[in-house]
């Protein structure tokens, strides 16, 4: 069976995704996300979140490049790469709200519910992004065990 480009060169696929995420974040640079941690709200710009995601993707790409001569599970590699890129694109393109909207001042219960759901979707996407990084750890373990 012939392996795909994602399975043979995952580091290049991840590197190619970084400029796309950066352009989306630049287009949506005025959007922000509210993150609540216990009793404190943090207001983060999409550009800051995109920088964090790009950093994680670049580190992941570097790890794949370092282990390019070792064989792992191709399905695990494809799942990790596609999941990581997909969730990063989702976070940068669909979370956050633009400034100077009704949420910044006074808003109705319906608008509050939408704002609360947006925060839950963002938190779910971040947790899913972290879960996909566990696939990288599993893949690296498999690569090291298979060659030993």
N, C-alpha and C. Protein backbone atom coordinates (compact mmCIF):
# COMPACT_ATOMS: atom_id res chain seq x y z
N UNK A 1 0.84 -1.17 0.00
CA UNK A 1 0.00 0.00 0.00
C UNK A 1 0.89 1.24 0.00
N UNK A 2 0.53 2.20 -0.78
CA UNK A 2 1.30 3.41 -0.91
C UNK A 2 0.95 4.38 0.22
N UNK A 3 1.97 4.96 0.85
CA UNK A 3 1.75 5.90 1.94
C UNK A 3 1.52 7.30 1.39
N UNK A 4 0.74 8.05 2.10
CA UNK A 4 0.42 9.40 1.67
C UNK A 4 1.53 10.37 2.10
N UNK A 5 1.43 11.58 1.59
CA UNK A 5 2.40 12.63 1.92
C UNK A 5 2.35 12.97 3.41
N UNK A 6 1.16 12.90 4.00
CA UNK A 6 1.01 13.18 5.42
C UNK A 6 1.75 12.14 6.25
N UNK A 7 1.72 10.90 5.83
CA UNK A 7 2.36 9.83 6.58
C UNK A 7 3.87 9.81 6.37
N UNK A 8 4.35 10.23 5.22
CA UNK A 8 5.78 10.16 4.95
C UNK A 8 6.52 11.43 5.36
N UNK A 9 5.90 12.60 5.23
CA UNK A 9 6.54 13.86 5.57
C UNK A 9 5.59 14.73 6.40
N UNK A 10 5.26 14.28 7.62
CA UNK A 10 4.32 15.07 8.42
C UNK A 10 4.89 16.42 8.85
N UNK A 11 6.22 16.52 8.95
CA UNK A 11 6.81 17.79 9.35
C UNK A 11 6.57 18.87 8.30
N UNK A 12 6.57 18.52 7.03
CA UNK A 12 6.29 19.51 5.98
C UNK A 12 4.83 19.94 5.97
N UNK A 13 3.94 18.99 6.21
CA UNK A 13 2.51 19.33 6.25
C UNK A 13 2.23 20.30 7.39
N UNK A 14 2.84 20.03 8.54
CA UNK A 14 2.65 20.93 9.68
C UNK A 14 3.26 22.30 9.41
N UNK A 15 4.42 22.33 8.76
CA UNK A 15 5.04 23.61 8.43
C UNK A 15 4.18 24.41 7.45
N UNK A 16 3.56 23.74 6.49
CA UNK A 16 2.71 24.43 5.52
C UNK A 16 1.43 24.98 6.15
N UNK A 17 1.00 24.38 7.25
CA UNK A 17 -0.21 24.85 7.93
C UNK A 17 0.03 26.13 8.72
N UNK A 18 1.26 26.36 9.14
CA UNK A 18 1.55 27.54 9.98
C UNK A 18 1.25 28.87 9.29
N UNK A 19 1.66 29.09 8.05
CA UNK A 19 1.31 30.37 7.40
C UNK A 19 -0.19 30.55 7.21
N UNK A 20 -0.90 29.46 6.98
CA UNK A 20 -2.35 29.56 6.81
C UNK A 20 -2.99 30.03 8.11
N UNK A 21 -2.57 29.45 9.22
CA UNK A 21 -3.09 29.85 10.53
C UNK A 21 -2.73 31.30 10.82
N UNK A 22 -1.50 31.70 10.47
CA UNK A 22 -1.07 33.08 10.70
C UNK A 22 -1.89 34.07 9.88
N UNK A 23 -2.20 33.73 8.64
CA UNK A 23 -3.00 34.63 7.80
C UNK A 23 -4.42 34.76 8.34
N UNK A 24 -5.00 33.65 8.77
CA UNK A 24 -6.35 33.70 9.35
C UNK A 24 -6.35 34.56 10.61
N UNK A 25 -5.33 34.40 11.44
CA UNK A 25 -5.24 35.20 12.66
C UNK A 25 -5.02 36.68 12.33
N UNK A 26 -4.28 36.97 11.28
CA UNK A 26 -4.07 38.35 10.89
C UNK A 26 -5.37 38.98 10.39
N UNK A 27 -6.14 38.22 9.64
CA UNK A 27 -7.43 38.73 9.15
C UNK A 27 -8.37 39.00 10.32
N UNK A 28 -8.35 38.13 11.32
CA UNK A 28 -9.25 38.26 12.47
C UNK A 28 -8.54 38.88 13.69
N UNK A 29 -7.55 39.72 13.47
CA UNK A 29 -6.69 40.23 14.53
C UNK A 29 -7.43 41.07 15.57
N UNK A 30 -8.57 41.60 15.25
CA UNK A 30 -9.31 42.41 16.21
C UNK A 30 -10.24 41.58 17.09
N UNK A 31 -10.37 40.30 16.81
CA UNK A 31 -11.25 39.43 17.60
C UNK A 31 -10.56 39.00 18.89
N UNK A 32 -11.36 38.78 19.92
CA UNK A 32 -10.83 38.36 21.21
C UNK A 32 -11.62 37.17 21.74
N UNK A 33 -11.01 36.48 22.69
CA UNK A 33 -11.64 35.35 23.35
C UNK A 33 -11.55 35.58 24.85
N UNK A 34 -12.65 35.37 25.55
CA UNK A 34 -12.65 35.45 27.01
C UNK A 34 -12.42 34.07 27.58
N UNK A 35 -11.44 33.97 28.46
CA UNK A 35 -11.15 32.71 29.11
C UNK A 35 -11.33 32.93 30.61
N UNK A 36 -12.15 32.10 31.23
CA UNK A 36 -12.37 32.21 32.67
C UNK A 36 -11.60 31.11 33.38
N UNK A 37 -10.72 31.49 34.29
CA UNK A 37 -9.98 30.55 35.10
C UNK A 37 -10.31 30.87 36.55
N UNK A 38 -11.11 30.01 37.13
CA UNK A 38 -11.65 30.20 38.48
C UNK A 38 -12.44 31.50 38.52
N UNK A 39 -11.98 32.53 39.22
CA UNK A 39 -12.76 33.76 39.32
C UNK A 39 -12.15 34.91 38.52
N UNK A 40 -11.25 34.60 37.60
CA UNK A 40 -10.58 35.63 36.82
C UNK A 40 -10.87 35.42 35.33
N UNK A 41 -11.17 36.52 34.67
CA UNK A 41 -11.37 36.50 33.22
C UNK A 41 -10.11 37.03 32.54
N UNK A 42 -9.67 36.29 31.55
CA UNK A 42 -8.55 36.73 30.72
C UNK A 42 -9.09 37.00 29.33
N UNK A 43 -8.75 38.14 28.79
CA UNK A 43 -9.17 38.48 27.44
C UNK A 43 -7.95 38.34 26.54
N UNK A 44 -8.01 37.36 25.65
CA UNK A 44 -6.89 37.05 24.77
C UNK A 44 -7.25 37.37 23.33
N UNK A 45 -6.33 37.96 22.63
CA UNK A 45 -6.53 38.23 21.21
C UNK A 45 -6.31 36.96 20.40
N UNK A 46 -6.97 36.87 19.28
CA UNK A 46 -6.81 35.71 18.39
C UNK A 46 -5.35 35.59 17.94
N UNK A 47 -4.68 36.72 17.76
CA UNK A 47 -3.28 36.65 17.33
C UNK A 47 -2.40 35.98 18.39
N UNK A 48 -2.67 36.22 19.66
CA UNK A 48 -1.90 35.57 20.73
C UNK A 48 -2.18 34.07 20.77
N UNK A 49 -3.43 33.71 20.59
CA UNK A 49 -3.79 32.29 20.58
C UNK A 49 -3.16 31.60 19.37
N UNK A 50 -3.18 32.27 18.22
CA UNK A 50 -2.57 31.70 17.01
C UNK A 50 -1.07 31.54 17.19
N UNK A 51 -0.41 32.49 17.85
CA UNK A 51 1.02 32.35 18.11
C UNK A 51 1.32 31.12 18.96
N UNK A 52 0.49 30.89 19.96
CA UNK A 52 0.65 29.71 20.80
C UNK A 52 0.46 28.43 19.99
N UNK A 53 -0.59 28.39 19.19
CA UNK A 53 -0.85 27.21 18.38
C UNK A 53 0.27 26.97 17.36
N UNK A 54 0.76 28.02 16.73
CA UNK A 54 1.84 27.88 15.76
C UNK A 54 3.11 27.39 16.45
N UNK A 55 3.37 27.87 17.66
CA UNK A 55 4.54 27.39 18.40
C UNK A 55 4.44 25.90 18.67
N UNK A 56 3.29 25.44 19.10
CA UNK A 56 3.10 24.01 19.35
C UNK A 56 3.27 23.22 18.05
N UNK A 57 2.71 23.72 16.96
CA UNK A 57 2.83 23.03 15.68
C UNK A 57 4.28 22.99 15.21
N UNK A 58 5.02 24.07 15.41
CA UNK A 58 6.43 24.08 14.99
C UNK A 58 7.27 23.11 15.83
N UNK A 59 7.00 23.03 17.12
CA UNK A 59 7.70 22.06 17.97
C UNK A 59 7.36 20.65 17.53
N UNK A 60 6.10 20.41 17.22
CA UNK A 60 5.68 19.10 16.75
C UNK A 60 6.36 18.76 15.42
N UNK A 61 6.43 19.72 14.53
CA UNK A 61 7.09 19.50 13.25
C UNK A 61 8.57 19.17 13.45
N UNK A 62 9.20 19.84 14.38
CA UNK A 62 10.60 19.57 14.68
C UNK A 62 10.79 18.16 15.23
N UNK A 63 9.86 17.73 16.10
CA UNK A 63 9.94 16.36 16.63
C UNK A 63 9.76 15.32 15.53
N UNK A 64 8.83 15.57 14.62
CA UNK A 64 8.67 14.65 13.50
C UNK A 64 9.91 14.64 12.60
N UNK A 65 10.53 15.80 12.44
CA UNK A 65 11.73 15.85 11.61
C UNK A 65 12.88 15.09 12.25
N UNK A 66 13.03 15.21 13.58
CA UNK A 66 14.08 14.48 14.28
C UNK A 66 13.89 12.97 14.18
N UNK A 67 12.65 12.52 14.13
CA UNK A 67 12.37 11.08 14.10
C UNK A 67 11.97 10.61 12.71
N UNK A 68 12.37 11.31 11.67
CA UNK A 68 11.94 10.98 10.31
C UNK A 68 12.49 9.64 9.82
N UNK A 69 13.59 9.17 10.37
CA UNK A 69 14.17 7.90 9.93
C UNK A 69 13.60 6.70 10.68
N UNK A 70 12.79 6.94 11.65
CA UNK A 70 12.18 5.85 12.41
C UNK A 70 10.75 5.64 11.91
N UNK A 71 10.30 4.42 11.96
CA UNK A 71 8.94 4.13 11.50
C UNK A 71 8.00 3.99 12.69
N UNK A 72 6.87 4.59 12.56
CA UNK A 72 5.81 4.49 13.56
C UNK A 72 4.56 3.97 12.90
N UNK A 73 3.43 4.21 13.53
CA UNK A 73 2.17 3.84 12.92
C UNK A 73 1.73 4.96 11.99
N UNK A 74 1.58 4.69 10.69
CA UNK A 74 1.18 5.76 9.77
C UNK A 74 -0.21 6.31 10.06
N UNK A 75 -1.10 5.47 10.55
CA UNK A 75 -2.45 5.94 10.87
C UNK A 75 -2.42 6.90 12.06
N UNK A 76 -1.54 6.62 13.02
CA UNK A 76 -1.41 7.49 14.18
C UNK A 76 -0.83 8.84 13.77
N UNK A 77 0.12 8.81 12.87
CA UNK A 77 0.71 10.05 12.35
C UNK A 77 -0.34 10.87 11.61
N UNK A 78 -1.09 10.23 10.74
CA UNK A 78 -2.12 10.94 9.98
C UNK A 78 -3.19 11.52 10.90
N UNK A 79 -3.62 10.74 11.88
CA UNK A 79 -4.64 11.23 12.81
C UNK A 79 -4.13 12.43 13.60
N UNK A 80 -2.90 12.35 14.04
CA UNK A 80 -2.34 13.46 14.81
C UNK A 80 -2.19 14.72 13.95
N UNK A 81 -1.63 14.58 12.77
CA UNK A 81 -1.38 15.75 11.92
C UNK A 81 -2.70 16.39 11.49
N UNK A 82 -3.63 15.60 11.01
CA UNK A 82 -4.91 16.14 10.56
C UNK A 82 -5.71 16.74 11.71
N UNK A 83 -5.70 16.06 12.85
CA UNK A 83 -6.41 16.58 14.01
C UNK A 83 -5.83 17.88 14.52
N UNK A 84 -4.51 17.95 14.60
CA UNK A 84 -3.85 19.16 15.07
C UNK A 84 -4.12 20.33 14.16
N UNK A 85 -3.98 20.13 12.87
CA UNK A 85 -4.21 21.21 11.92
C UNK A 85 -5.69 21.61 11.91
N UNK A 86 -6.57 20.63 11.94
CA UNK A 86 -8.01 20.93 11.91
C UNK A 86 -8.47 21.72 13.12
N UNK A 87 -8.04 21.32 14.30
CA UNK A 87 -8.46 22.03 15.51
C UNK A 87 -7.81 23.42 15.56
N UNK A 88 -6.55 23.54 15.13
CA UNK A 88 -5.92 24.85 15.12
C UNK A 88 -6.64 25.80 14.15
N UNK A 89 -7.04 25.29 12.99
CA UNK A 89 -7.81 26.11 12.06
C UNK A 89 -9.17 26.49 12.63
N UNK A 90 -9.80 25.56 13.33
CA UNK A 90 -11.10 25.86 13.95
C UNK A 90 -10.96 26.95 15.00
N UNK A 91 -9.93 26.83 15.84
CA UNK A 91 -9.76 27.81 16.92
C UNK A 91 -9.50 29.20 16.34
N UNK A 92 -8.64 29.30 15.34
CA UNK A 92 -8.32 30.63 14.82
C UNK A 92 -9.42 31.21 13.92
N UNK A 93 -10.21 30.36 13.29
CA UNK A 93 -11.19 30.89 12.34
C UNK A 93 -12.59 31.07 12.90
N UNK A 94 -12.96 30.37 13.95
CA UNK A 94 -14.36 30.47 14.36
C UNK A 94 -14.57 30.84 15.82
N UNK A 95 -13.53 30.95 16.61
CA UNK A 95 -13.74 31.38 17.99
C UNK A 95 -13.45 32.86 18.11
N UNK A 96 -13.92 33.45 19.16
CA UNK A 96 -13.72 34.87 19.40
C UNK A 96 -14.86 35.71 18.88
N UNK A 97 -14.91 36.93 19.36
CA UNK A 97 -15.93 37.85 18.88
C UNK A 97 -15.27 39.20 18.60
N UNK A 98 -15.82 39.94 17.66
CA UNK A 98 -15.22 41.24 17.29
C UNK A 98 -15.41 42.27 18.39
N UNK A 99 -14.56 43.29 18.44
CA UNK A 99 -14.69 44.32 19.47
C UNK A 99 -15.88 45.23 19.21
N UNK A 100 -16.25 45.96 20.25
CA UNK A 100 -17.33 46.95 20.19
C UNK A 100 -18.65 46.34 19.77
N UNK A 101 -18.96 45.21 20.31
CA UNK A 101 -20.27 44.62 20.04
C UNK A 101 -21.10 44.68 21.32
N UNK A 102 -22.28 44.12 21.28
CA UNK A 102 -23.19 44.20 22.42
C UNK A 102 -22.65 43.47 23.65
N UNK A 103 -21.76 42.51 23.46
CA UNK A 103 -21.23 41.76 24.59
C UNK A 103 -20.33 42.64 25.44
N UNK A 104 -19.67 43.64 24.84
CA UNK A 104 -18.78 44.52 25.59
C UNK A 104 -19.52 45.46 26.53
N UNK A 105 -20.75 45.75 26.24
CA UNK A 105 -21.50 46.69 27.08
C UNK A 105 -22.55 45.92 27.85
N UNK A 106 -23.79 46.19 27.62
CA UNK A 106 -24.87 45.45 28.25
C UNK A 106 -25.48 44.53 27.21
N UNK A 107 -25.85 43.33 27.64
CA UNK A 107 -26.42 42.42 26.66
C UNK A 107 -27.56 41.64 27.28
N UNK A 108 -28.39 41.12 26.39
CA UNK A 108 -29.59 40.40 26.79
C UNK A 108 -29.23 38.98 27.25
N UNK A 109 -30.19 38.29 27.89
CA UNK A 109 -29.91 36.90 28.28
C UNK A 109 -29.58 36.00 27.10
N UNK A 110 -30.17 36.25 25.93
CA UNK A 110 -29.85 35.46 24.75
C UNK A 110 -28.41 35.69 24.32
N UNK A 111 -27.98 36.94 24.33
CA UNK A 111 -26.59 37.23 23.97
C UNK A 111 -25.62 36.66 24.99
N UNK A 112 -26.00 36.67 26.27
CA UNK A 112 -25.15 36.08 27.31
C UNK A 112 -25.02 34.57 27.08
N UNK A 113 -26.12 33.93 26.69
CA UNK A 113 -26.07 32.49 26.43
C UNK A 113 -25.15 32.18 25.25
N UNK A 114 -25.21 33.00 24.19
CA UNK A 114 -24.32 32.81 23.04
C UNK A 114 -22.86 33.01 23.45
N UNK A 115 -22.60 34.03 24.28
CA UNK A 115 -21.24 34.28 24.75
C UNK A 115 -20.73 33.12 25.60
N UNK A 116 -21.59 32.60 26.45
CA UNK A 116 -21.22 31.47 27.29
C UNK A 116 -20.95 30.21 26.45
N UNK A 117 -21.77 29.96 25.44
CA UNK A 117 -21.56 28.82 24.56
C UNK A 117 -20.27 28.96 23.75
N UNK A 118 -19.93 30.19 23.36
CA UNK A 118 -18.69 30.41 22.65
C UNK A 118 -17.49 30.07 23.54
N UNK A 119 -17.57 30.43 24.80
CA UNK A 119 -16.51 30.08 25.73
C UNK A 119 -16.38 28.58 25.92
N UNK A 120 -17.51 27.89 25.96
CA UNK A 120 -17.48 26.43 26.09
C UNK A 120 -16.90 25.77 24.84
N UNK A 121 -17.27 26.28 23.67
CA UNK A 121 -16.70 25.72 22.43
C UNK A 121 -15.20 25.94 22.36
N UNK A 122 -14.75 27.12 22.80
CA UNK A 122 -13.32 27.39 22.80
C UNK A 122 -12.60 26.45 23.77
N UNK A 123 -13.14 26.28 24.95
CA UNK A 123 -12.51 25.39 25.93
C UNK A 123 -12.49 23.95 25.42
N UNK A 124 -13.58 23.52 24.79
CA UNK A 124 -13.61 22.17 24.23
C UNK A 124 -12.59 21.99 23.12
N UNK A 125 -12.42 23.02 22.29
CA UNK A 125 -11.44 22.94 21.21
C UNK A 125 -10.02 22.89 21.76
N UNK A 126 -9.74 23.64 22.82
CA UNK A 126 -8.40 23.61 23.42
C UNK A 126 -8.13 22.26 24.05
N UNK A 127 -9.11 21.68 24.72
CA UNK A 127 -8.93 20.35 25.30
C UNK A 127 -8.73 19.31 24.20
N UNK A 128 -9.47 19.41 23.12
CA UNK A 128 -9.31 18.49 21.99
C UNK A 128 -7.93 18.64 21.36
N UNK A 129 -7.45 19.88 21.24
CA UNK A 129 -6.11 20.12 20.70
C UNK A 129 -5.06 19.44 21.59
N UNK A 130 -5.22 19.56 22.89
CA UNK A 130 -4.30 18.89 23.81
C UNK A 130 -4.39 17.38 23.71
N UNK A 131 -5.58 16.86 23.52
CA UNK A 131 -5.73 15.40 23.39
C UNK A 131 -5.05 14.89 22.13
N UNK A 132 -5.11 15.66 21.06
CA UNK A 132 -4.41 15.25 19.84
C UNK A 132 -2.90 15.25 20.03
N UNK A 133 -2.40 16.07 20.94
CA UNK A 133 -0.95 16.06 21.19
C UNK A 133 -0.54 14.80 21.93
N UNK A 134 -1.47 14.16 22.61
CA UNK A 134 -1.16 12.87 23.22
C UNK A 134 -0.91 11.80 22.16
N UNK A 135 -1.55 11.96 20.99
CA UNK A 135 -1.26 11.04 19.89
C UNK A 135 0.19 11.18 19.42
N UNK A 136 0.73 12.38 19.48
CA UNK A 136 2.14 12.58 19.14
C UNK A 136 3.03 11.83 20.13
N UNK A 137 2.73 11.95 21.41
CA UNK A 137 3.53 11.26 22.42
C UNK A 137 3.47 9.75 22.20
N UNK A 138 2.28 9.24 21.93
CA UNK A 138 2.14 7.80 21.67
C UNK A 138 2.91 7.39 20.42
N UNK A 139 2.86 8.21 19.39
CA UNK A 139 3.57 7.90 18.16
C UNK A 139 5.09 7.92 18.37
N UNK A 140 5.57 8.87 19.14
CA UNK A 140 7.01 8.92 19.43
C UNK A 140 7.45 7.70 20.25
N UNK A 141 6.63 7.28 21.18
CA UNK A 141 6.95 6.08 21.96
C UNK A 141 7.01 4.86 21.06
N UNK A 142 6.05 4.74 20.15
CA UNK A 142 6.05 3.62 19.21
C UNK A 142 7.30 3.66 18.34
N UNK A 143 7.67 4.85 17.87
CA UNK A 143 8.86 4.96 17.03
C UNK A 143 10.12 4.54 17.78
N UNK A 144 10.23 4.89 19.03
CA UNK A 144 11.42 4.52 19.78
C UNK A 144 11.43 3.06 20.15
N UNK A 145 10.26 2.46 20.42
CA UNK A 145 10.21 1.05 20.79
C UNK A 145 10.44 0.15 19.57
N UNK A 146 9.89 0.54 18.41
CA UNK A 146 10.03 -0.28 17.20
C UNK A 146 11.48 -0.41 16.75
N UNK A 147 12.28 0.60 16.98
CA UNK A 147 13.67 0.56 16.53
C UNK A 147 14.61 -0.02 17.58
N UNK A 148 14.16 -0.15 18.79
CA UNK A 148 15.03 -0.68 19.85
C UNK A 148 15.13 -2.19 19.78
